[in-house]
PDB file of all heavy atoms in Angstrom:
ATOM      1  N   GLN A   1      10.396  76.585  -7.338  1.00  0.00           N
ATOM      2  CA  GLN A   1       9.935  76.571  -8.689  1.00  0.00           C
ATOM      3  C   GLN A   1      10.132  77.872  -9.379  1.00  0.00           C
ATOM      4  O   GLN A   1      10.531  77.994 -10.583  1.00  0.00           O
ATOM      5  CB  GLN A   1       8.406  76.264  -8.689  1.00  0.00           C
ATOM      6  CG  GLN A   1       8.126  74.804  -8.368  1.00  0.00           C
ATOM      7  CD  GLN A   1       6.650  74.500  -8.263  1.00  0.00           C
ATOM      8  OE1 GLN A   1       5.839  75.386  -8.107  1.00  0.00           O
ATOM      9  NE2 GLN A   1       6.182  73.245  -8.378  1.00  0.00           N
ATOM     10  N   LEU A   2       9.824  78.952  -8.658  1.00  0.00           N
ATOM     11  CA  LEU A   2      10.036  80.341  -9.220  1.00  0.00           C
ATOM     12  C   LEU A   2      11.568  80.546  -9.496  1.00  0.00           C
ATOM     13  O   LEU A   2      11.887  81.034 -10.577  1.00  0.00           O
ATOM     14  CB  LEU A   2       9.591  81.432  -8.273  1.00  0.00           C
ATOM     15  CG  LEU A   2       9.702  82.863  -8.722  1.00  0.00           C
ATOM     16  CD1 LEU A   2       8.903  83.140 -10.024  1.00  0.00           C
ATOM     17  CD2 LEU A   2       9.294  83.834  -7.614  1.00  0.00           C
ATOM     18  N   ILE A   3      12.416  80.150  -8.609  1.00  0.00           N
ATOM     19  CA  ILE A   3      13.817  80.331  -8.808  1.00  0.00           C
ATOM     20  C   ILE A   3      14.266  79.538 -10.046  1.00  0.00           C
ATOM     21  O   ILE A   3      15.070  80.109 -10.820  1.00  0.00           O
ATOM     22  CB  ILE A   3      14.556  79.782  -7.563  1.00  0.00           C
ATOM     23  CG1 ILE A   3      14.445  80.709  -6.401  1.00  0.00           C
ATOM     24  CG2 ILE A   3      16.072  79.662  -7.866  1.00  0.00           C
ATOM     25  CD1 ILE A   3      14.914  80.159  -5.049  1.00  0.00           C
ATOM     26  N   GLN A   4      13.730  78.364 -10.235  1.00  0.00           N
ATOM     27  CA  GLN A   4      14.168  77.622 -11.417  1.00  0.00           C
ATOM     28  C   GLN A   4      13.776  78.231 -12.687  1.00  0.00           C
ATOM     29  O   GLN A   4      14.560  78.366 -13.638  1.00  0.00           O
ATOM     30  CB  GLN A   4      13.525  76.183 -11.328  1.00  0.00           C
ATOM     31  CG  GLN A   4      14.029  75.239 -12.409  1.00  0.00           C
ATOM     32  CD  GLN A   4      13.537  73.847 -12.243  1.00  0.00           C
ATOM     33  OE1 GLN A   4      12.532  73.627 -11.434  1.00  0.00           O
ATOM     34  NE2 GLN A   4      14.051  72.932 -12.901  1.00  0.00           N
ATOM     35  N   VAL A   5      12.485  78.850 -12.742  1.00  0.00           N
ATOM     36  CA  VAL A   5      12.015  79.394 -13.930  1.00  0.00           C
ATOM     37  C   VAL A   5      12.816  80.756 -14.249  1.00  0.00           C
ATOM     38  O   VAL A   5      13.309  80.962 -15.307  1.00  0.00           O
ATOM     39  CB  VAL A   5      10.515  79.809 -13.858  1.00  0.00           C
ATOM     40  CG1 VAL A   5      10.017  80.694 -14.900  1.00  0.00           C
ATOM     41  CG2 VAL A   5       9.715  78.511 -13.835  1.00  0.00           C
ATOM     42  N   VAL A   6      12.927  81.512 -13.181  1.00  0.00           N
ATOM     43  CA  VAL A   6      13.651  82.863 -13.321  1.00  0.00           C
ATOM     44  C   VAL A   6      15.133  82.666 -13.665  1.00  0.00           C
ATOM     45  O   VAL A   6      15.719  83.268 -14.628  1.00  0.00           O
ATOM     46  CB  VAL A   6      13.490  83.683 -12.087  1.00  0.00           C
ATOM     47  CG1 VAL A   6      14.430  84.921 -12.100  1.00  0.00           C
ATOM     48  CG2 VAL A   6      12.050  84.181 -11.928  1.00  0.00           C
ATOM     49  N   SER A   7      15.748  81.738 -12.887  1.00  0.00           N
ATOM     50  CA  SER A   7      17.207  81.408 -13.303  1.00  0.00           C
ATOM     51  C   SER A   7      17.422  80.944 -14.719  1.00  0.00           C
ATOM     52  O   SER A   7      18.356  81.284 -15.370  1.00  0.00           O
ATOM     53  CB  SER A   7      17.783  80.320 -12.294  1.00  0.00           C
ATOM     54  OG  SER A   7      17.704  80.844 -10.998  1.00  0.00           O
ATOM     55  N   SER A   8      16.504  80.102 -15.198  1.00  0.00           N
ATOM     56  CA  SER A   8      16.614  79.573 -16.483  1.00  0.00           C
ATOM     57  C   SER A   8      16.428  80.698 -17.524  1.00  0.00           C
ATOM     58  O   SER A   8      17.267  80.726 -18.521  1.00  0.00           O
ATOM     59  CB  SER A   8      15.464  78.497 -16.774  1.00  0.00           C
ATOM     60  OG  SER A   8      15.503  77.983 -18.097  1.00  0.00           O
ATOM     61  N   LYS A   9      15.522  81.564 -17.379  1.00  0.00           N
ATOM     62  CA  LYS A   9      15.377  82.659 -18.255  1.00  0.00           C
ATOM     63  C   LYS A   9      16.536  83.605 -18.241  1.00  0.00           C
ATOM     64  O   LYS A   9      16.992  84.057 -19.278  1.00  0.00           O
ATOM     65  CB  LYS A   9      13.974  83.509 -17.953  1.00  0.00           C
ATOM     66  CG  LYS A   9      12.800  82.730 -18.391  1.00  0.00           C
ATOM     67  CD  LYS A   9      11.580  83.593 -18.108  1.00  0.00           C
ATOM     68  CE  LYS A   9      10.343  82.939 -18.509  1.00  0.00           C
ATOM     69  NZ  LYS A   9       9.165  83.769 -18.415  1.00  0.00           N
ATOM     70  N   ILE A  10      17.064  83.926 -17.024  1.00  0.00           N
ATOM     71  CA  ILE A  10      18.216  84.724 -16.954  1.00  0.00           C
ATOM     72  C   ILE A  10      19.459  84.044 -17.584  1.00  0.00           C
ATOM     73  O   ILE A  10      20.140  84.762 -18.408  1.00  0.00           O
ATOM     74  CB  ILE A  10      18.483  85.191 -15.478  1.00  0.00           C
ATOM     75  CG1 ILE A  10      17.420  86.028 -14.910  1.00  0.00           C
ATOM     76  CG2 ILE A  10      19.947  85.797 -15.311  1.00  0.00           C
ATOM     77  CD1 ILE A  10      17.521  86.270 -13.469  1.00  0.00           C
ATOM     78  N   GLY A  11      19.534  82.872 -17.351  1.00  0.00           N
ATOM     79  CA  GLY A  11      20.652  82.025 -17.937  1.00  0.00           C
ATOM     80  C   GLY A  11      20.688  82.146 -19.416  1.00  0.00           C
ATOM     81  O   GLY A  11      21.714  82.235 -20.119  1.00  0.00           O
ATOM     82  N   ARG A  12      19.454  81.897 -19.950  1.00  0.00           N
ATOM     83  CA  ARG A  12      19.386  81.860 -21.496  1.00  0.00           C
ATOM     84  C   ARG A  12      19.834  83.220 -22.060  1.00  0.00           C
ATOM     85  O   ARG A  12      20.484  83.315 -23.115  1.00  0.00           O
ATOM     86  CB  ARG A  12      17.975  81.522 -21.956  1.00  0.00           C
ATOM     87  CG  ARG A  12      17.762  79.976 -21.894  1.00  0.00           C
ATOM     88  CD  ARG A  12      16.478  79.551 -22.655  1.00  0.00           C
ATOM     89  NE  ARG A  12      15.277  80.291 -22.149  1.00  0.00           N
ATOM     90  CZ  ARG A  12      14.497  79.840 -21.167  1.00  0.00           C
ATOM     91  NH1 ARG A  12      14.783  78.774 -20.421  1.00  0.00           N
ATOM     92  NH2 ARG A  12      13.420  80.567 -20.769  1.00  0.00           N
ATOM     93  N   GLN A  13      19.361  84.330 -21.401  1.00  0.00           N
ATOM     94  CA  GLN A  13      19.595  85.631 -21.934  1.00  0.00           C
ATOM     95  C   GLN A  13      21.086  86.041 -21.727  1.00  0.00           C
ATOM     96  O   GLN A  13      21.661  86.712 -22.618  1.00  0.00           O
ATOM     97  CB  GLN A  13      18.674  86.651 -21.301  1.00  0.00           C
ATOM     98  CG  GLN A  13      17.235  86.436 -21.724  1.00  0.00           C
ATOM     99  CD  GLN A  13      16.258  87.523 -21.289  1.00  0.00           C
ATOM    100  OE1 GLN A  13      16.718  88.719 -21.135  1.00  0.00           O
ATOM    101  NE2 GLN A  13      15.085  87.207 -21.000  1.00  0.00           N
ATOM    102  N   ILE A  14      21.697  85.618 -20.628  1.00  0.00           N
ATOM    103  CA  ILE A  14      23.150  85.819 -20.430  1.00  0.00           C
ATOM    104  C   ILE A  14      23.903  85.010 -21.407  1.00  0.00           C
ATOM    105  O   ILE A  14      24.924  85.455 -21.970  1.00  0.00           O
ATOM    106  CB  ILE A  14      23.561  85.523 -18.990  1.00  0.00           C
ATOM    107  CG1 ILE A  14      22.835  86.380 -17.995  1.00  0.00           C
ATOM    108  CG2 ILE A  14      25.076  85.570 -18.845  1.00  0.00           C
ATOM    109  CD1 ILE A  14      23.158  87.874 -18.024  1.00  0.00           C
ATOM    110  N   LYS A  15      23.513  83.790 -21.692  1.00  0.00           N
ATOM    111  CA  LYS A  15      24.193  82.840 -22.612  1.00  0.00           C
ATOM    112  C   LYS A  15      24.158  83.500 -23.975  1.00  0.00           C
ATOM    113  O   LYS A  15      25.145  83.423 -24.764  1.00  0.00           O
ATOM    114  CB  LYS A  15      23.593  81.514 -22.664  1.00  0.00           C
ATOM    115  CG  LYS A  15      24.268  80.522 -23.531  1.00  0.00           C
ATOM    116  CD  LYS A  15      23.782  79.211 -23.436  1.00  0.00           C
ATOM    117  CE  LYS A  15      24.496  78.111 -24.147  1.00  0.00           C
ATOM    118  NZ  LYS A  15      25.139  78.447 -25.441  1.00  0.00           N
ATOM    119  N   ALA A  16      23.087  84.179 -24.387  1.00  0.00           N
ATOM    120  CA  ALA A  16      23.003  84.807 -25.672  1.00  0.00           C
ATOM    121  C   ALA A  16      24.075  85.879 -25.768  1.00  0.00           C
ATOM    122  O   ALA A  16      24.639  86.142 -26.849  1.00  0.00           O
ATOM    123  CB  ALA A  16      21.634  85.418 -25.885  1.00  0.00           C
ATOM    124  N   ILE A  17      24.348  86.541 -24.767  1.00  0.00           N
ATOM    125  CA  ILE A  17      25.393  87.578 -24.717  1.00  0.00           C
ATOM    126  C   ILE A  17      26.851  86.910 -24.860  1.00  0.00           C
ATOM    127  O   ILE A  17      27.655  87.354 -25.563  1.00  0.00           O
ATOM    128  CB  ILE A  17      25.422  88.346 -23.496  1.00  0.00           C
ATOM    129  CG1 ILE A  17      24.041  89.198 -23.290  1.00  0.00           C
ATOM    130  CG2 ILE A  17      26.482  89.366 -23.395  1.00  0.00           C
ATOM    131  CD1 ILE A  17      23.773  89.849 -22.027  1.00  0.00           C
ATOM    132  N   THR A  18      27.038  85.841 -24.041  1.00  0.00           N
ATOM    133  CA  THR A  18      28.379  85.244 -23.976  1.00  0.00           C
ATOM    134  C   THR A  18      28.687  84.346 -25.143  1.00  0.00           C
ATOM    135  O   THR A  18      29.753  84.021 -25.386  1.00  0.00           O
ATOM    136  CB  THR A  18      28.562  84.520 -22.650  1.00  0.00           C
ATOM    137  OG1 THR A  18      27.622  83.544 -22.595  1.00  0.00           O
ATOM    138  CG2 THR A  18      28.497  85.470 -21.467  1.00  0.00           C
ATOM    139  N   ASP A  19      27.582  84.071 -25.914  1.00  0.00           N
ATOM    140  CA  ASP A  19      27.809  83.145 -27.121  1.00  0.00           C
ATOM    141  C   ASP A  19      28.593  83.859 -28.237  1.00  0.00           C
ATOM    142  O   ASP A  19      29.092  83.214 -29.097  1.00  0.00           O
ATOM    143  CB  ASP A  19      26.511  82.697 -27.712  1.00  0.00           C
ATOM    144  CG  ASP A  19      25.917  81.450 -27.003  1.00  0.00           C
ATOM    145  OD1 ASP A  19      26.672  80.801 -26.192  1.00  0.00           O
ATOM    146  OD2 ASP A  19      24.716  81.046 -27.242  1.00  0.00           O
ATOM    147  N   THR A  20      28.818  85.199 -28.026  1.00  0.00           N
ATOM    148  CA  THR A  20      29.636  85.889 -29.044  1.00  0.00           C
ATOM    149  C   THR A  20      31.162  85.628 -28.819  1.00  0.00           C
ATOM    150  O   THR A  20      31.970  85.872 -29.678  1.00  0.00           O
ATOM    151  CB  THR A  20      29.412  87.429 -28.953  1.00  0.00           C
ATOM    152  OG1 THR A  20      29.753  87.803 -27.586  1.00  0.00           O
ATOM    153  CG2 THR A  20      27.961  87.795 -29.183  1.00  0.00           C
ATOM    154  N   LEU A  21      31.459  84.940 -27.647  1.00  0.00           N
ATOM    155  CA  LEU A  21      32.873  84.643 -27.310  1.00  0.00           C
ATOM    156  C   LEU A  21      33.142  83.151 -27.834  1.00  0.00           C
ATOM    157  O   LEU A  21      32.268  82.388 -27.749  1.00  0.00           O
ATOM    158  CB  LEU A  21      33.092  84.718 -25.801  1.00  0.00           C
ATOM    159  CG  LEU A  21      32.781  86.053 -25.175  1.00  0.00           C
ATOM    160  CD1 LEU A  21      32.992  85.900 -23.653  1.00  0.00           C
ATOM    161  CD2 LEU A  21      33.686  87.097 -25.710  1.00  0.00           C
ATOM    162  N   ASN A  22      34.336  82.948 -28.330  1.00  0.00           N
ATOM    163  CA  ASN A  22      34.733  81.612 -28.624  1.00  0.00           C
ATOM    164  C   ASN A  22      35.148  80.869 -27.340  1.00  0.00           C
ATOM    165  O   ASN A  22      35.164  81.495 -26.242  1.00  0.00           O
ATOM    166  CB  ASN A  22      35.887  81.549 -29.657  1.00  0.00           C
ATOM    167  CG  ASN A  22      37.076  82.162 -29.186  1.00  0.00           C
ATOM    168  OD1 ASN A  22      37.513  82.032 -28.024  1.00  0.00           O
ATOM    169  ND2 ASN A  22      37.872  82.824 -30.127  1.00  0.00           N
ATOM    170  N   ASP A  23      35.485  79.627 -27.442  1.00  0.00           N
ATOM    171  CA  ASP A  23      35.715  78.839 -26.178  1.00  0.00           C
ATOM    172  C   ASP A  23      36.842  79.431 -25.340  1.00  0.00           C
ATOM    173  O   ASP A  23      36.778  79.590 -24.131  1.00  0.00           O
ATOM    174  CB  ASP A  23      36.062  77.417 -26.468  1.00  0.00           C
ATOM    175  CG  ASP A  23      34.862  76.639 -26.903  1.00  0.00           C
ATOM    176  OD1 ASP A  23      33.756  77.054 -26.810  1.00  0.00           O
ATOM    177  OD2 ASP A  23      35.032  75.532 -27.585  1.00  0.00           O
ATOM    178  N   LYS A  24      37.955  79.814 -26.054  1.00  0.00           N
ATOM    179  CA  LYS A  24      39.102  80.422 -25.334  1.00  0.00           C
ATOM    180  C   LYS A  24      38.773  81.736 -24.662  1.00  0.00           C
ATOM    181  O   LYS A  24      39.049  81.975 -23.487  1.00  0.00           O
ATOM    182  CB  LYS A  24      40.259  80.565 -26.261  1.00  0.00           C
ATOM    183  CG  LYS A  24      41.509  81.138 -25.663  1.00  0.00           C
ATOM    184  CD  LYS A  24      42.642  81.231 -26.667  1.00  0.00           C
ATOM    185  CE  LYS A  24      43.883  81.862 -26.010  1.00  0.00           C
ATOM    186  NZ  LYS A  24      44.965  82.148 -26.934  1.00  0.00           N
ATOM    187  N   GLU A  25      38.025  82.544 -25.391  1.00  0.00           N
ATOM    188  CA  GLU A  25      37.646  83.932 -24.793  1.00  0.00           C
ATOM    189  C   GLU A  25      36.667  83.684 -23.654  1.00  0.00           C
ATOM    190  O   GLU A  25      36.757  84.389 -22.689  1.00  0.00           O
ATOM    191  CB  GLU A  25      36.937  84.642 -25.946  1.00  0.00           C
ATOM    192  CG  GLU A  25      37.827  85.234 -27.046  1.00  0.00           C
ATOM    193  CD  GLU A  25      37.142  85.754 -28.216  1.00  0.00           C
ATOM    194  OE1 GLU A  25      35.936  85.357 -28.454  1.00  0.00           O
ATOM    195  OE2 GLU A  25      37.764  86.596 -28.947  1.00  0.00           O
ATOM    196  N   SER A  26      35.776  82.737 -23.817  1.00  0.00           N
ATOM    197  CA  SER A  26      34.827  82.452 -22.688  1.00  0.00           C
ATOM    198  C   SER A  26      35.529  82.008 -21.427  1.00  0.00           C
ATOM    199  O   SER A  26      35.237  82.537 -20.331  1.00  0.00           O
ATOM    200  CB  SER A  26      33.891  81.378 -23.100  1.00  0.00           C
ATOM    201  OG  SER A  26      32.876  81.034 -22.105  1.00  0.00           O
ATOM    202  N   LEU A  27      36.542  81.130 -21.521  1.00  0.00           N
ATOM    203  CA  LEU A  27      37.383  80.746 -20.378  1.00  0.00           C
ATOM    204  C   LEU A  27      38.082  81.909 -19.806  1.00  0.00           C
ATOM    205  O   LEU A  27      38.161  82.076 -18.577  1.00  0.00           O
ATOM    206  CB  LEU A  27      38.336  79.583 -20.762  1.00  0.00           C
ATOM    207  CG  LEU A  27      37.685  78.231 -20.995  1.00  0.00           C
ATOM    208  CD1 LEU A  27      38.728  77.277 -21.539  1.00  0.00           C
ATOM    209  CD2 LEU A  27      37.116  77.675 -19.701  1.00  0.00           C
ATOM    210  N   GLN A  28      38.638  82.845 -20.665  1.00  0.00           N
ATOM    211  CA  GLN A  28      39.362  83.929 -20.150  1.00  0.00           C
ATOM    212  C   GLN A  28      38.480  84.879 -19.479  1.00  0.00           C
ATOM    213  O   GLN A  28      38.830  85.483 -18.427  1.00  0.00           O
ATOM    214  CB  GLN A  28      40.050  84.649 -21.378  1.00  0.00           C
ATOM    215  CG  GLN A  28      41.236  83.910 -21.996  1.00  0.00           C
ATOM    216  CD  GLN A  28      41.755  84.541 -23.209  1.00  0.00           C
ATOM    217  OE1 GLN A  28      40.976  85.121 -23.986  1.00  0.00           O
ATOM    218  NE2 GLN A  28      43.083  84.475 -23.437  1.00  0.00           N
ATOM    219  N   PHE A  29      37.265  85.048 -20.058  1.00  0.00           N
ATOM    220  CA  PHE A  29      36.375  86.025 -19.507  1.00  0.00           C
ATOM    221  C   PHE A  29      35.935  85.644 -18.113  1.00  0.00           C
ATOM    222  O   PHE A  29      35.936  86.381 -17.083  1.00  0.00           O
ATOM    223  CB  PHE A  29      35.141  86.170 -20.386  1.00  0.00           C
ATOM    224  CG  PHE A  29      34.094  87.069 -19.818  1.00  0.00           C
ATOM    225  CD1 PHE A  29      34.230  88.470 -19.817  1.00  0.00           C
ATOM    226  CD2 PHE A  29      32.961  86.602 -19.242  1.00  0.00           C
ATOM    227  CE1 PHE A  29      33.329  89.427 -19.381  1.00  0.00           C
ATOM    228  CE2 PHE A  29      32.018  87.421 -18.690  1.00  0.00           C
ATOM    229  CZ  PHE A  29      32.051  88.804 -18.747  1.00  0.00           C
ATOM    230  N   ARG A  30      35.567  84.292 -18.000  1.00  0.00           N
ATOM    231  CA  ARG A  30      35.238  83.709 -16.667  1.00  0.00           C
ATOM    232  C   ARG A  30      36.292  83.885 -15.644  1.00  0.00           C
ATOM    233  O   ARG A  30      36.129  84.228 -14.472  1.00  0.00           O
ATOM    234  CB  ARG A  30      34.767  82.316 -16.741  1.00  0.00           C
ATOM    235  CG  ARG A  30      33.337  82.207 -17.312  1.00  0.00           C
ATOM    236  CD  ARG A  30      32.773  80.827 -17.317  1.00  0.00           C
ATOM    237  NE  ARG A  30      33.053  80.332 -18.687  1.00  0.00           N
ATOM    238  CZ  ARG A  30      32.924  79.133 -19.088  1.00  0.00           C
ATOM    239  NH1 ARG A  30      32.716  78.165 -18.185  1.00  0.00           N
ATOM    240  NH2 ARG A  30      33.123  78.764 -20.257  1.00  0.00           N
ATOM    241  N   ALA A  31      37.568  83.600 -16.041  1.00  0.00           N
ATOM    242  CA  ALA A  31      38.662  83.668 -15.097  1.00  0.00           C
ATOM    243  C   ALA A  31      38.866  85.082 -14.742  1.00  0.00           C
ATOM    244  O   ALA A  31      39.169  85.386 -13.558  1.00  0.00           O
ATOM    245  CB  ALA A  31      39.937  83.131 -15.848  1.00  0.00           C
ATOM    246  N   LEU A  32      38.798  86.025 -15.650  1.00  0.00           N
ATOM    247  CA  LEU A  32      38.970  87.458 -15.288  1.00  0.00           C
ATOM    248  C   LEU A  32      37.881  87.967 -14.442  1.00  0.00           C
ATOM    249  O   LEU A  32      38.126  88.689 -13.506  1.00  0.00           O
ATOM    250  CB  LEU A  32      39.152  88.362 -16.589  1.00  0.00           C
ATOM    251  CG  LEU A  32      40.389  88.066 -17.454  1.00  0.00           C
ATOM    252  CD1 LEU A  32      40.308  88.752 -18.732  1.00  0.00           C
ATOM    253  CD2 LEU A  32      41.679  88.502 -16.673  1.00  0.00           C
ATOM    254  N   ALA A  33      36.696  87.577 -14.702  1.00  0.00           N
ATOM    255  CA  ALA A  33      35.558  88.025 -13.950  1.00  0.00           C
ATOM    256  C   ALA A  33      35.641  87.528 -12.517  1.00  0.00           C
ATOM    257  O   ALA A  33      35.452  88.264 -11.475  1.00  0.00           O
ATOM    258  CB  ALA A  33      34.200  87.624 -14.578  1.00  0.00           C
ATOM    259  N   SER A  34      36.058  86.264 -12.363  1.00  0.00           N
ATOM    260  CA  SER A  34      36.274  85.622 -11.012  1.00  0.00           C
ATOM    261  C   SER A  34      37.360  86.409 -10.298  1.00  0.00           C
ATOM    262  O   SER A  34      37.313  86.626  -9.040  1.00  0.00           O
ATOM    263  CB  SER A  34      36.566  84.157 -11.173  1.00  0.00           C
ATOM    264  OG  SER A  34      35.488  83.428 -11.563  1.00  0.00           O
ATOM    265  N   LYS A  35      38.480  86.755 -11.003  1.00  0.00           N
ATOM    266  CA  LYS A  35      39.535  87.430 -10.435  1.00  0.00           C
ATOM    267  C   LYS A  35      39.077  88.786  -9.922  1.00  0.00           C
ATOM    268  O   LYS A  35      39.502  89.185  -8.780  1.00  0.00           O
ATOM    269  CB  LYS A  35      40.706  87.530 -11.348  1.00  0.00           C
ATOM    270  CG  LYS A  35      41.953  88.121 -10.722  1.00  0.00           C
ATOM    271  CD  LYS A  35      43.076  88.127 -11.754  1.00  0.00           C
ATOM    272  CE  LYS A  35      44.354  88.664 -11.058  1.00  0.00           C
ATOM    273  NZ  LYS A  35      45.528  88.582 -11.965  1.00  0.00           N
ATOM    274  N   MET A  36      38.300  89.482 -10.580  1.00  0.00           N
ATOM    275  CA  MET A  36      37.753  90.763 -10.168  1.00  0.00           C
ATOM    276  C   MET A  36      36.798  90.595  -9.031  1.00  0.00           C
ATOM    277  O   MET A  36      36.754  91.489  -8.054  1.00  0.00           O
ATOM    278  CB  MET A  36      37.134  91.499 -11.316  1.00  0.00           C
ATOM    279  CG  MET A  36      38.035  92.025 -12.352  1.00  0.00           C
ATOM    280  SD  MET A  36      37.265  93.039 -13.716  1.00  0.00           S
ATOM    281  CE  MET A  36      36.420  91.710 -14.591  1.00  0.00           C
ATOM    282  N   LEU A  37      35.963  89.620  -9.000  1.00  0.00           N
ATOM    283  CA  LEU A  37      34.918  89.390  -8.030  1.00  0.00           C
ATOM    284  C   LEU A  37      35.517  88.889  -6.719  1.00  0.00           C
ATOM    285  O   LEU A  37      34.998  89.194  -5.565  1.00  0.00           O
ATOM    286  CB  LEU A  37      33.789  88.522  -8.437  1.00  0.00           C
ATOM    287  CG  LEU A  37      32.976  89.053  -9.658  1.00  0.00           C
ATOM    288  CD1 LEU A  37      32.081  87.903 -10.187  1.00  0.00           C
ATOM    289  CD2 LEU A  37      32.137  90.178  -9.088  1.00  0.00           C
ATOM    290  N   PHE A  38      36.521  88.099  -6.806  1.00  0.00           N
ATOM    291  CA  PHE A  38      37.059  87.375  -5.668  1.00  0.00           C
ATOM    292  C   PHE A  38      38.571  87.600  -5.585  1.00  0.00           C
ATOM    293  O   PHE A  38      39.368  86.652  -5.535  1.00  0.00           O
ATOM    294  CB  PHE A  38      36.846  85.906  -5.622  1.00  0.00           C
ATOM    295  CG  PHE A  38      35.335  85.606  -5.840  1.00  0.00           C
ATOM    296  CD1 PHE A  38      34.839  85.212  -7.076  1.00  0.00           C
ATOM    297  CD2 PHE A  38      34.413  85.894  -4.861  1.00  0.00           C
ATOM    298  CE1 PHE A  38      33.509  84.924  -7.266  1.00  0.00           C
ATOM    299  CE2 PHE A  38      33.054  85.665  -5.032  1.00  0.00           C
ATOM    300  CZ  PHE A  38      32.559  85.189  -6.277  1.00  0.00           C
ATOM    301  N   PRO A  39      38.975  88.827  -5.402  1.00  0.00           N
ATOM    302  CA  PRO A  39      40.502  89.186  -5.426  1.00  0.00           C
ATOM    303  C   PRO A  39      41.323  88.497  -4.298  1.00  0.00           C
ATOM    304  O   PRO A  39      42.389  88.105  -4.560  1.00  0.00           O
ATOM    305  CB  PRO A  39      40.566  90.703  -5.248  1.00  0.00           C
ATOM    306  CG  PRO A  39      39.276  91.160  -4.677  1.00  0.00           C
ATOM    307  CD  PRO A  39      38.198  90.070  -5.116  1.00  0.00           C
ATOM    308  N   LEU A  40      40.565  88.370  -3.119  1.00  0.00           N
ATOM    309  CA  LEU A  40      41.421  87.720  -2.030  1.00  0.00           C
ATOM    310  C   LEU A  40      41.747  86.220  -2.262  1.00  0.00           C
ATOM    311  O   LEU A  40      42.640  85.665  -1.792  1.00  0.00           O
ATOM    312  CB  LEU A  40      40.670  87.901  -0.747  1.00  0.00           C
ATOM    313  CG  LEU A  40      40.422  89.358  -0.276  1.00  0.00           C
ATOM    314  CD1 LEU A  40      39.688  89.395   1.061  1.00  0.00           C
ATOM    315  CD2 LEU A  40      41.859  90.032  -0.027  1.00  0.00           C
ATOM    316  N   SER A  41      40.808  85.547  -3.003  1.00  0.00           N
ATOM    317  CA  SER A  41      40.979  84.065  -3.235  1.00  0.00           C
ATOM    318  C   SER A  41      42.048  83.870  -4.314  1.00  0.00           C
ATOM    319  O   SER A  41      42.452  82.772  -4.465  1.00  0.00           O
ATOM    320  CB  SER A  41      39.707  83.437  -3.762  1.00  0.00           C
ATOM    321  OG  SER A  41      39.257  83.975  -4.963  1.00  0.00           O
ATOM    322  N   GLN A  42      42.467  84.899  -5.009  1.00  0.00           N
ATOM    323  CA  GLN A  42      43.522  84.831  -5.960  1.00  0.00           C
ATOM    324  C   GLN A  42      44.962  84.954  -5.488  1.00  0.00           C
ATOM    325  O   GLN A  42      45.845  84.783  -6.174  1.00  0.00           O
ATOM    326  CB  GLN A  42      43.272  85.832  -7.124  1.00  0.00           C
ATOM    327  CG  GLN A  42      41.908  85.653  -7.779  1.00  0.00           C
ATOM    328  CD  GLN A  42      41.792  84.375  -8.475  1.00  0.00           C
ATOM    329  OE1 GLN A  42      42.651  83.925  -9.262  1.00  0.00           O
ATOM    330  NE2 GLN A  42      40.681  83.760  -8.344  1.00  0.00           N
ATOM    331  N   GLN A  43      45.081  85.420  -4.195  1.00  0.00           N
ATOM    332  CA  GLN A  43      46.425  85.686  -3.665  1.00  0.00           C
ATOM    333  C   GLN A  43      47.014  84.432  -3.107  1.00  0.00           C
ATOM    334  O   GLN A  43      46.537  83.515  -2.570  1.00  0.00           O
ATOM    335  CB  GLN A  43      46.171  86.725  -2.569  1.00  0.00           C
ATOM    336  CG  GLN A  43      45.815  88.053  -3.214  1.00  0.00           C
ATOM    337  CD  GLN A  43      45.601  89.119  -2.165  1.00  0.00           C
ATOM    338  OE1 GLN A  43      45.773  88.954  -0.969  1.00  0.00           O
ATOM    339  NE2 GLN A  43      45.209  90.327  -2.636  1.00  0.00           N
TER     340      GLN A  43
END
């Protein structure tokens, strides 16, 4: 229950930040972030 509440609040606040990106930028951002976080899976 706590995880659900906290995750929801964090998600809403992160979404407020990423809402400044259009759809194309959002996809690019997620792809680039994933590439930086998981470099071995990209090879």
